Amino acid sequence: MHQKPFIETIHLFKPIHDALINVLKELEPGDWEKPTLAKQWTVKDIVAHLLDTTTRGIAILRDGHFGYSGPVNEEYTTLVNYINELNAQFILTAKRWSPQLLIELLEQYGPVHTQLLADLNPFEKAIFSVAWAGEKESLNWFHVAREYTEKYHHQIQIREAVNKTAAIITPELFKPFIQTFFVGLPHLLRNHTAPAHAIIAIEIAGAMGVIGYLQYHNQQWNFLDESPGDKLYAKTIIPATIAWKLFTKGVTPNEILNEIKLEGNQAIATQLLHLVAVMA
């Protein structure tokens, strides 16, 4: 048992980048204006956002250039509003850019960003914490994994809009994406208690199945390395096709209640549906 699992993702940046470029080059002109689960963003808006975060990452990691003084405080809501404003500014600017230009820039700068992330010592302090996991400070490996989840979930939003999701719903790419999200579970459950040593599980069902186990011990939730058997205090089962949408606020728990299964303690099993692993 340990507090947080180490998840290595840097080797996945090239395949997820290559998959992005491939799908973008396959898009028809009308596909770029299709709506997505990312609220008010079209396919083109998401592509612009991916370019934004890529080039922003290069400016910070390579050049030490942040461009802004940052949010006025570290409150979660303030940070979300600050990030949303930055995102909106870039997307508005990118309205002037052609799809072909966006593809060319992503092709050029995606590998540069990946190399900068690969050069980081995974166990040193990251420039930015992973706030959705409740952390004030994070290690580089978690920052890198968070970056991977951003690239993955925005690409699958694009792919869903054009019915091309299959290429990245593979064990190699999907499981680390979900496992990184699971790191936020202890923070999600911080106000929920259970009997000493109670064990809970969250299962992402289907061919891409992933299971996470946590145990309540010393008034906190800790990860378990292996299955405890059938002795579970609570269990939540979510289809893989729903999980990525749920954890990125593409759908709400109420919208998918008929597609999930809750077992054992209903309060905790239901709370697991409220994991949000994006800044929203």
C-alpha atoms as a PDB file:
ATOM      1  CA  MET A   1       0.000   0.000   0.000  1.00  0.00           C
ATOM      2  CA  HIS A   2       1.269   3.491  -0.778  1.00  0.00           C
ATOM      3  CA  GLN A   3      -0.070   6.975  -1.040  1.00  0.00           C
ATOM      4  CA  LYS A   4       0.258   7.555  -4.760  1.00  0.00           C
ATOM      5  CA  PRO A   5       1.265   5.262  -7.648  1.00  0.00           C
ATOM      6  CA  PHE A   6       4.015   6.302 -10.053  1.00  0.00           C
ATOM      7  CA  ILE A   7       2.639   6.474 -13.599  1.00  0.00           C
ATOM      8  CA  GLU A   8       5.087   6.813 -16.485  1.00  0.00           C
ATOM      9  CA  THR A   9       3.604   8.431 -19.584  1.00  0.00           C
ATOM     10  CA  ILE A  10       6.383  10.226 -21.448  1.00  0.00           C
ATOM     11  CA  HIS A  11       6.777   7.334 -23.917  1.00  0.00           C
ATOM     12  CA  LEU A  12       3.121   7.840 -24.937  1.00  0.00           C
ATOM     13  CA  PHE A  13       3.520  11.418 -26.153  1.00  0.00           C
ATOM     14  CA  LYS A  14       4.839  10.436 -29.580  1.00  0.00           C
ATOM     15  CA  PRO A  15       2.055   7.942 -30.389  1.00  0.00           C
ATOM     16  CA  ILE A  16      -0.677  10.282 -29.141  1.00  0.00           C
ATOM     17  CA  HIS A  17       0.871  13.160 -31.119  1.00  0.00           C
ATOM     18  CA  ASP A  18       1.154  11.055 -34.273  1.00  0.00           C
ATOM     19  CA  ALA A  19      -2.465   9.945 -33.879  1.00  0.00           C
ATOM     20  CA  LEU A  20      -3.550  13.578 -33.577  1.00  0.00           C
ATOM     21  CA  ILE A  21      -1.760  14.667 -36.736  1.00  0.00           C
ATOM     22  CA  ASN A  22      -3.155  11.677 -38.612  1.00  0.00           C
ATOM     23  CA  VAL A  23      -6.765  12.381 -37.683  1.00  0.00           C
ATOM     24  CA  LEU A  24      -6.453  16.110 -38.367  1.00  0.00           C
ATOM     25  CA  LYS A  25      -5.145  15.428 -41.861  1.00  0.00           C
ATOM     26  CA  GLU A  26      -8.169  13.191 -42.494  1.00  0.00           C
ATOM     27  CA  LEU A  27     -10.741  15.843 -41.568  1.00  0.00           C
ATOM     28  CA  GLU A  28     -13.078  17.228 -44.186  1.00  0.00           C
ATOM     29  CA  PRO A  29     -13.505  21.032 -44.298  1.00  0.00           C
ATOM     30  CA  GLY A  30     -16.881  20.834 -42.550  1.00  0.00           C
ATOM     31  CA  ASP A  31     -15.487  18.683 -39.730  1.00  0.00           C
ATOM     32  CA  TRP A  32     -13.519  21.595 -38.303  1.00  0.00           C
ATOM     33  CA  GLU A  33     -16.689  23.433 -37.268  1.00  0.00           C
ATOM     34  CA  LYS A  34     -18.434  20.452 -35.689  1.00  0.00           C
ATOM     35  CA  PRO A  35     -19.462  20.813 -32.022  1.00  0.00           C
ATOM     36  CA  THR A  36     -17.715  18.806 -29.315  1.00  0.00           C
ATOM     37  CA  LEU A  37     -18.235  17.809 -25.699  1.00  0.00           C
ATOM     38  CA  ALA A  38     -15.922  20.669 -24.729  1.00  0.00           C
ATOM     39  CA  LYS A  39     -18.924  22.939 -24.203  1.00  0.00           C
ATOM     40  CA  GLN A  40     -18.705  25.893 -26.612  1.00  0.00           C
ATOM     41  CA  TRP A  41     -15.620  24.657 -28.469  1.00  0.00           C
ATOM     42  CA  THR A  42     -15.673  23.327 -32.017  1.00  0.00           C
ATOM     43  CA  VAL A  43     -13.172  20.811 -33.372  1.00  0.00           C
ATOM     44  CA  LYS A  44     -11.034  23.705 -34.628  1.00  0.00           C
ATOM     45  CA  ASP A  45     -11.182  25.396 -31.224  1.00  0.00           C
ATOM     46  CA  ILE A  46      -9.860  22.265 -29.512  1.00  0.00           C
ATOM     47  CA  VAL A  47      -7.042  21.993 -32.045  1.00  0.00           C
ATOM     48  CA  ALA A  48      -6.160  25.622 -31.345  1.00  0.00           C
ATOM     49  CA  HIS A  49      -6.204  24.904 -27.613  1.00  0.00           C
ATOM     50  CA  LEU A  50      -3.806  21.985 -28.083  1.00  0.00           C
ATOM     51  CA  LEU A  51      -1.455  24.291 -29.970  1.00  0.00           C
ATOM     52  CA  ASP A  52      -1.823  26.879 -27.215  1.00  0.00           C
ATOM     53  CA  THR A  53      -0.850  24.502 -24.415  1.00  0.00           C
ATOM     54  CA  THR A  54       1.978  23.055 -26.490  1.00  0.00           C
ATOM     55  CA  THR A  55       3.594  26.399 -27.299  1.00  0.00           C
ATOM     56  CA  ARG A  56       2.861  27.756 -23.829  1.00  0.00           C
ATOM     57  CA  GLY A  57       4.700  24.753 -22.402  1.00  0.00           C
ATOM     58  CA  ILE A  58       7.692  25.385 -24.642  1.00  0.00           C
ATOM     59  CA  ALA A  59       7.860  29.059 -23.667  1.00  0.00           C
ATOM     60  CA  ILE A  60       7.840  28.152 -19.982  1.00  0.00           C
ATOM     61  CA  LEU A  61      10.102  25.082 -19.953  1.00  0.00           C
ATOM     62  CA  ARG A  62      12.641  26.189 -22.563  1.00  0.00           C
ATOM     63  CA  ASP A  63      12.631  29.964 -22.247  1.00  0.00           C
ATOM     64  CA  GLY A  64      11.400  30.595 -18.707  1.00  0.00           C
ATOM     65  CA  HIS A  65       8.732  32.872 -20.146  1.00  0.00           C
ATOM     66  CA  PHE A  66       5.338  32.842 -18.442  1.00  0.00           C
ATOM     67  CA  GLY A  67       3.848  35.917 -20.083  1.00  0.00           C
ATOM     68  CA  TYR A  68       1.466  36.696 -17.219  1.00  0.00           C
ATOM     69  CA  SER A  69       1.845  37.334 -13.515  1.00  0.00           C
ATOM     70  CA  GLY A  70      -0.553  34.507 -12.700  1.00  0.00           C
ATOM     71  CA  PRO A  71      -3.818  34.374 -10.736  1.00  0.00           C
ATOM     72  CA  VAL A  72      -4.315  36.760  -7.826  1.00  0.00           C
ATOM     73  CA  ASN A  73      -4.500  33.861  -5.361  1.00  0.00           C
ATOM     74  CA  GLU A  74      -4.285  30.070  -5.256  1.00  0.00           C
ATOM     75  CA  GLU A  75      -7.967  29.398  -4.654  1.00  0.00           C
ATOM     76  CA  TYR A  76      -9.230  26.674  -6.968  1.00  0.00           C
ATOM     77  CA  THR A  77     -12.017  28.788  -8.474  1.00  0.00           C
ATOM     78  CA  THR A  78      -9.640  31.690  -9.095  1.00  0.00           C
ATOM     79  CA  LEU A  79      -7.185  29.375 -10.818  1.00  0.00           C
ATOM     80  CA  VAL A  80      -9.911  27.869 -13.023  1.00  0.00           C
ATOM     81  CA  ASN A  81     -11.137  31.319 -14.067  1.00  0.00           C
ATOM     82  CA  TYR A  82      -7.588  32.415 -14.836  1.00  0.00           C
ATOM     83  CA  ILE A  83      -6.924  29.350 -16.999  1.00  0.00           C
ATOM     84  CA  ASN A  84     -10.251  29.739 -18.794  1.00  0.00           C
ATOM     85  CA  GLU A  85      -9.388  33.340 -19.656  1.00  0.00           C
ATOM     86  CA  LEU A  86      -5.998  32.360 -21.063  1.00  0.00           C
ATOM     87  CA  ASN A  87      -7.586  29.593 -23.115  1.00  0.00           C
ATOM     88  CA  ALA A  88     -10.288  31.871 -24.512  1.00  0.00           C
ATOM     89  CA  GLN A  89      -7.773  34.516 -25.569  1.00  0.00           C
ATOM     90  CA  PHE A  90      -5.780  32.088 -27.680  1.00  0.00           C
ATOM     91  CA  ILE A  91      -8.806  30.437 -29.262  1.00  0.00           C
ATOM     92  CA  LEU A  92     -10.131  33.839 -30.309  1.00  0.00           C
ATOM     93  CA  THR A  93      -6.811  34.675 -31.946  1.00  0.00           C
ATOM     94  CA  ALA A  94      -6.684  31.306 -33.711  1.00  0.00           C
ATOM     95  CA  LYS A  95     -10.010  31.993 -35.427  1.00  0.00           C
ATOM     96  CA  ARG A  96      -7.876  33.840 -38.008  1.00  0.00           C
ATOM     97  CA  TRP A  97      -5.724  30.794 -38.696  1.00  0.00           C
ATOM     98  CA  SER A  98      -6.451  28.107 -41.246  1.00  0.00           C
ATOM     99  CA  PRO A  99      -6.753  24.432 -40.286  1.00  0.00           C
ATOM    100  CA  GLN A 100      -3.658  23.713 -42.371  1.00  0.00           C
ATOM    101  CA  LEU A 101      -1.622  26.260 -40.420  1.00  0.00           C
ATOM    102  CA  LEU A 102      -2.754  24.751 -37.118  1.00  0.00           C
ATOM    103  CA  ILE A 103      -1.685  21.303 -38.297  1.00  0.00           C
ATOM    104  CA  GLU A 104       1.706  22.558 -39.479  1.00  0.00           C
ATOM    105  CA  LEU A 105       2.399  24.318 -36.185  1.00  0.00           C
ATOM    106  CA  LEU A 106       1.389  21.268 -34.149  1.00  0.00           C
ATOM    107  CA  GLU A 107       3.593  19.053 -36.334  1.00  0.00           C
ATOM    108  CA  GLN A 108       6.527  21.371 -35.743  1.00  0.00           C
ATOM    109  CA  TYR A 109       6.179  22.125 -32.056  1.00  0.00           C
ATOM    110  CA  GLY A 110       4.574  18.982 -30.617  1.00  0.00           C
ATOM    111  CA  PRO A 111       7.867  17.028 -30.613  1.00  0.00           C
ATOM    112  CA  VAL A 112       9.712  20.026 -29.143  1.00  0.00           C
ATOM    113  CA  HIS A 113       7.330  20.108 -26.188  1.00  0.00           C
ATOM    114  CA  THR A 114       7.632  16.346 -25.735  1.00  0.00           C
ATOM    115  CA  GLN A 115      11.425  16.519 -25.583  1.00  0.00           C
ATOM    116  CA  LEU A 116      11.322  19.271 -22.973  1.00  0.00           C
ATOM    117  CA  LEU A 117       9.016  17.153 -20.818  1.00  0.00           C
ATOM    118  CA  ALA A 118      11.276  14.127 -21.319  1.00  0.00           C
ATOM    119  CA  ASP A 119      14.262  16.152 -20.092  1.00  0.00           C
ATOM    120  CA  LEU A 120      12.622  16.795 -16.710  1.00  0.00           C
ATOM    121  CA  ASN A 121      13.732  14.775 -13.689  1.00  0.00           C
ATOM    122  CA  PRO A 122      10.507  12.895 -12.896  1.00  0.00           C
ATOM    123  CA  PHE A 123      11.054  13.091  -9.142  1.00  0.00           C
ATOM    124  CA  GLU A 124      11.880  16.773  -8.840  1.00  0.00           C
ATOM    125  CA  LYS A 125       9.292  19.425  -7.994  1.00  0.00           C
ATOM    126  CA  ALA A 126       7.170  20.483 -10.964  1.00  0.00           C
ATOM    127  CA  ILE A 127       6.656  24.102 -11.992  1.00  0.00           C
ATOM    128  CA  PHE A 128       2.896  23.632 -11.647  1.00  0.00           C
ATOM    129  CA  SER A 129       0.965  21.495  -9.207  1.00  0.00           C
ATOM    130  CA  VAL A 130      -1.866  19.193 -10.235  1.00  0.00           C
ATOM    131  CA  ALA A 131      -4.625  21.161  -8.556  1.00  0.00           C
ATOM    132  CA  TRP A 132      -7.509  18.841  -9.454  1.00  0.00           C
ATOM    133  CA  ALA A 133      -5.800  16.186  -7.330  1.00  0.00           C
ATOM    134  CA  GLY A 134      -5.674  18.591  -4.395  1.00  0.00           C
ATOM    135  CA  GLU A 135      -1.919  19.099  -4.571  1.00  0.00           C
ATOM    136  CA  LYS A 136      -0.130  22.335  -3.736  1.00  0.00           C
ATOM    137  CA  GLU A 137       3.128  20.840  -5.008  1.00  0.00           C
ATOM    138  CA  SER A 138       3.561  17.999  -7.489  1.00  0.00           C
ATOM    139  CA  LEU A 139       6.460  15.994  -8.859  1.00  0.00           C
ATOM    140  CA  ASN A 140       7.376  16.243 -12.512  1.00  0.00           C
ATOM    141  CA  TRP A 141       6.147  12.759 -13.353  1.00  0.00           C
ATOM    142  CA  PHE A 142       2.631  13.737 -12.249  1.00  0.00           C
ATOM    143  CA  HIS A 143       2.814  17.021 -14.151  1.00  0.00           C
ATOM    144  CA  VAL A 144       3.862  15.075 -17.263  1.00  0.00           C
ATOM    145  CA  ALA A 145       1.067  12.543 -16.748  1.00  0.00           C
ATOM    146  CA  ARG A 146      -1.399  15.409 -16.380  1.00  0.00           C
ATOM    147  CA  GLU A 147      -0.120  16.835 -19.678  1.00  0.00           C
ATOM    148  CA  TYR A 148      -0.699  13.434 -21.258  1.00  0.00           C
ATOM    149  CA  THR A 149      -4.297  13.324 -20.038  1.00  0.00           C
ATOM    150  CA  GLU A 150      -4.856  16.781 -21.522  1.00  0.00           C
ATOM    151  CA  LYS A 151      -3.563  15.696 -24.914  1.00  0.00           C
ATOM    152  CA  TYR A 152      -5.530  12.458 -24.780  1.00  0.00           C
ATOM    153  CA  HIS A 153      -8.888  13.777 -23.656  1.00  0.00           C
ATOM    154  CA  HIS A 154      -8.903  16.697 -26.080  1.00  0.00           C
ATOM    155  CA  GLN A 155      -7.985  14.405 -28.946  1.00  0.00           C
ATOM    156  CA  ILE A 156     -10.740  11.944 -28.088  1.00  0.00           C
ATOM    157  CA  GLN A 157     -13.185  14.871 -27.987  1.00  0.00           C
ATOM    158  CA  ILE A 158     -12.120  15.697 -31.540  1.00  0.00           C
ATOM    159  CA  ARG A 159     -12.361  12.078 -32.595  1.00  0.00           C
ATOM    160  CA  GLU A 160     -15.792  11.574 -31.080  1.00  0.00           C
ATOM    161  CA  ALA A 161     -17.103  14.587 -32.990  1.00  0.00           C
ATOM    162  CA  VAL A 162     -16.052  12.941 -36.269  1.00  0.00           C
ATOM    163  CA  ASN A 163     -16.663   9.284 -35.293  1.00  0.00           C
ATOM    164  CA  LYS A 164     -13.001   8.246 -35.254  1.00  0.00           C
ATOM    165  CA  THR A 165     -12.353   7.272 -31.609  1.00  0.00           C
ATOM    166  CA  ALA A 166     -11.153   3.685 -32.117  1.00  0.00           C
ATOM    167  CA  ALA A 167      -7.545   4.544 -32.983  1.00  0.00           C
ATOM    168  CA  ILE A 168      -6.718   5.788 -29.477  1.00  0.00           C
ATOM    169  CA  ILE A 169      -8.989   3.597 -27.362  1.00  0.00           C
ATOM    170  CA  THR A 170      -6.237   1.024 -26.893  1.00  0.00           C
ATOM    171  CA  PRO A 171      -4.764  -0.464 -23.700  1.00  0.00           C
ATOM    172  CA  GLU A 172      -1.438   1.289 -24.313  1.00  0.00           C
ATOM    173  CA  LEU A 173      -2.969   4.765 -24.530  1.00  0.00           C
ATOM    174  CA  PHE A 174      -6.215   4.545 -22.554  1.00  0.00           C
ATOM    175  CA  LYS A 175      -5.175   2.798 -19.340  1.00  0.00           C
ATOM    176  CA  PRO A 176      -2.468   5.293 -18.250  1.00  0.00           C
ATOM    177  CA  PHE A 177      -4.928   8.084 -19.030  1.00  0.00           C
ATOM    178  CA  ILE A 178      -7.488   6.642 -16.597  1.00  0.00           C
ATOM    179  CA  GLN A 179      -4.864   5.624 -14.024  1.00  0.00           C
ATOM    180  CA  THR A 180      -3.648   9.223 -13.893  1.00  0.00           C
ATOM    181  CA  PHE A 181      -7.196  10.392 -13.225  1.00  0.00           C
ATOM    182  CA  PHE A 182      -7.453   7.894 -10.368  1.00  0.00           C
ATOM    183  CA  VAL A 183      -4.652   9.732  -8.542  1.00  0.00           C
ATOM    184  CA  GLY A 184      -7.285  12.341  -7.690  1.00  0.00           C
ATOM    185  CA  LEU A 185      -9.476   9.857  -5.791  1.00  0.00           C
ATOM    186  CA  PRO A 186      -8.078  10.398  -2.261  1.00  0.00           C
ATOM    187  CA  HIS A 187      -8.699  14.132  -2.625  1.00  0.00           C
ATOM    188  CA  LEU A 188     -12.200  13.463  -3.927  1.00  0.00           C
ATOM    189  CA  LEU A 189     -12.942  11.306  -0.866  1.00  0.00           C
ATOM    190  CA  ARG A 190     -11.207  13.535   1.686  1.00  0.00           C
ATOM    191  CA  ASN A 191     -14.465  14.324   3.512  1.00  0.00           C
ATOM    192  CA  HIS A 192     -15.815  10.763   3.407  1.00  0.00           C
ATOM    193  CA  THR A 193     -15.023   8.367   6.225  1.00  0.00           C
ATOM    194  CA  ALA A 194     -15.417   4.600   6.437  1.00  0.00           C
ATOM    195  CA  PRO A 195     -14.743   1.792   8.921  1.00  0.00           C
ATOM    196  CA  ALA A 196     -11.042   1.214   9.576  1.00  0.00           C
ATOM    197  CA  HIS A 197      -9.385  -0.736   6.752  1.00  0.00           C
ATOM    198  CA  ALA A 198     -12.502  -0.592   4.559  1.00  0.00           C
ATOM    199  CA  ILE A 199     -11.645  -1.126   0.898  1.00  0.00           C
ATOM    200  CA  ILE A 200     -13.404   0.409  -2.082  1.00  0.00           C
ATOM    201  CA  ALA A 201     -13.009  -0.059  -5.819  1.00  0.00           C
ATOM    202  CA  ILE A 202     -13.683   1.866  -8.988  1.00  0.00           C
ATOM    203  CA  GLU A 203     -13.790  -0.210 -12.148  1.00  0.00           C
ATOM    204  CA  ILE A 204     -13.708   1.030 -15.713  1.00  0.00           C
ATOM    205  CA  ALA A 205     -15.459  -1.831 -17.458  1.00  0.00           C
ATOM    206  CA  GLY A 206     -14.978  -3.221 -20.937  1.00  0.00           C
ATOM    207  CA  ALA A 207     -12.037  -4.214 -23.085  1.00  0.00           C
ATOM    208  CA  MET A 208     -10.071  -1.243 -21.715  1.00  0.00           C
ATOM    209  CA  GLY A 209     -10.820  -2.261 -18.136  1.00  0.00           C
ATOM    210  CA  VAL A 210      -8.975  -0.520 -15.315  1.00  0.00           C
ATOM    211  CA  ILE A 211      -9.582  -1.082 -11.608  1.00  0.00           C
ATOM    212  CA  GLY A 212      -8.407   1.137  -8.755  1.00  0.00           C
ATOM    213  CA  TYR A 213      -8.519   0.108  -5.086  1.00  0.00           C
ATOM    214  CA  LEU A 214      -8.326   2.349  -2.038  1.00  0.00           C
ATOM    215  CA  GLN A 215      -8.309   1.554   1.666  1.00  0.00           C
ATOM    216  CA  TYR A 216      -9.366   3.776   4.550  1.00  0.00           C
ATOM    217  CA  HIS A 217      -6.598   3.776   7.152  1.00  0.00           C
ATOM    218  CA  ASN A 218      -5.528   6.331   9.763  1.00  0.00           C
ATOM    219  CA  GLN A 219      -8.308   8.689   8.667  1.00  0.00           C
ATOM    220  CA  GLN A 220      -7.188   8.867   5.056  1.00  0.00           C
ATOM    221  CA  TRP A 221      -7.640   6.997   1.800  1.00  0.00           C
ATOM    222  CA  ASN A 222      -4.608   5.159   0.424  1.00  0.00           C
ATOM    223  CA  PHE A 223      -4.057   3.194  -2.763  1.00  0.00           C
ATOM    224  CA  LEU A 224      -3.733  -0.588  -2.772  1.00  0.00           C
ATOM    225  CA  ASP A 225      -1.350  -2.278  -5.181  1.00  0.00           C
ATOM    226  CA  GLU A 226      -3.442  -5.379  -5.753  1.00  0.00           C
ATOM    227  CA  SER A 227      -6.952  -6.764  -5.561  1.00  0.00           C
ATOM    228  CA  PRO A 228      -8.216  -7.425  -2.020  1.00  0.00           C
ATOM    229  CA  GLY A 229     -10.667 -10.061  -3.235  1.00  0.00           C
ATOM    230  CA  ASP A 230     -14.404  -9.702  -2.762  1.00  0.00           C
ATOM    231  CA  LYS A 231     -14.359  -7.845   0.563  1.00  0.00           C
ATOM    232  CA  LEU A 232     -15.338  -4.399  -0.677  1.00  0.00           C
ATOM    233  CA  TYR A 233     -17.081  -1.649   1.267  1.00  0.00           C
ATOM    234  CA  ALA A 234     -18.169   0.056  -1.964  1.00  0.00           C
ATOM    235  CA  LYS A 235     -17.676  -0.384  -5.685  1.00  0.00           C
ATOM    236  CA  THR A 236     -18.487   1.742  -8.710  1.00  0.00           C
ATOM    237  CA  ILE A 237     -18.487   0.297 -12.225  1.00  0.00           C
ATOM    238  CA  ILE A 238     -18.387   2.682 -15.196  1.00  0.00           C
ATOM    239  CA  PRO A 239     -18.159   1.712 -18.890  1.00  0.00           C
ATOM    240  CA  ALA A 240     -14.953   2.867 -20.560  1.00  0.00           C
ATOM    241  CA  THR A 241     -16.966   4.704 -23.211  1.00  0.00           C
ATOM    242  CA  ILE A 242     -18.556   6.800 -20.464  1.00  0.00           C
ATOM    243  CA  ALA A 243     -15.642   7.209 -18.035  1.00  0.00           C
ATOM    244  CA  TRP A 244     -13.546   9.632 -20.059  1.00  0.00           C
ATOM    245  CA  LYS A 245     -16.566  11.866 -20.634  1.00  0.00           C
ATOM    246  CA  LEU A 246     -17.595  11.759 -16.980  1.00  0.00           C
ATOM    247  CA  PHE A 247     -14.174  12.606 -15.555  1.00  0.00           C
ATOM    248  CA  THR A 248     -13.741  15.550 -17.944  1.00  0.00           C
ATOM    249  CA  LYS A 249     -17.228  17.008 -17.355  1.00  0.00           C
ATOM    250  CA  GLY A 250     -18.487  15.997 -20.777  1.00  0.00           C
ATOM    251  CA  VAL A 251     -21.470  14.372 -19.081  1.00  0.00           C
ATOM    252  CA  THR A 252     -22.892  14.636 -15.564  1.00  0.00           C
ATOM    253  CA  PRO A 253     -23.424  11.745 -13.127  1.00  0.00           C
ATOM    254  CA  ASN A 254     -27.197  12.160 -13.410  1.00  0.00           C
ATOM    255  CA  GLU A 255     -27.026  11.715 -17.173  1.00  0.00           C
ATOM    256  CA  ILE A 256     -25.355   8.301 -16.985  1.00  0.00           C
ATOM    257  CA  LEU A 257     -26.957   6.686 -13.920  1.00  0.00           C
ATOM    258  CA  ASN A 258     -28.624   4.035 -16.069  1.00  0.00           C
ATOM    259  CA  GLU A 259     -25.265   3.009 -17.518  1.00  0.00           C
ATOM    260  CA  ILE A 260     -23.261   2.531 -14.322  1.00  0.00           C
ATOM    261  CA  LYS A 261     -23.448   0.170 -11.364  1.00  0.00           C
ATOM    262  CA  LEU A 262     -23.101   1.076  -7.685  1.00  0.00           C
ATOM    263  CA  GLU A 263     -22.442  -1.576  -5.035  1.00  0.00           C
ATOM    264  CA  GLY A 264     -22.086  -1.466  -1.259  1.00  0.00           C
ATOM    265  CA  ASN A 265     -22.041   1.890   0.520  1.00  0.00           C
ATOM    266  CA  GLN A 266     -24.070   4.127  -1.771  1.00  0.00           C
ATOM    267  CA  ALA A 267     -22.690   7.455  -0.526  1.00  0.00           C
ATOM    268  CA  ILE A 268     -19.101   6.554  -1.356  1.00  0.00           C
ATOM    269  CA  ALA A 269     -19.956   4.651  -4.533  1.00  0.00           C
ATOM    270  CA  THR A 270     -21.882   7.690  -5.759  1.00  0.00           C
ATOM    271  CA  GLN A 271     -19.101  10.086  -4.776  1.00  0.00           C
ATOM    272  CA  LEU A 272     -16.715   8.254  -7.104  1.00  0.00           C
ATOM    273  CA  LEU A 273     -18.854   9.460  -9.999  1.00  0.00           C
ATOM    274  CA  HIS A 274     -17.856  13.034  -9.168  1.00  0.00           C
ATOM    275  CA  LEU A 275     -14.165  12.690  -9.966  1.00  0.00           C
ATOM    276  CA  VAL A 276     -13.194  15.640 -12.172  1.00  0.00           C
ATOM    277  CA  ALA A 277      -9.666  15.424 -13.529  1.00  0.00           C
ATOM    278  CA  VAL A 278      -9.579  18.678 -15.460  1.00  0.00           C
ATOM    279  CA  MET A 279      -9.471  22.270 -14.294  1.00  0.00           C
ATOM    280  CA  ALA A 280     -13.177  23.033 -14.549  1.00  0.00           C
END
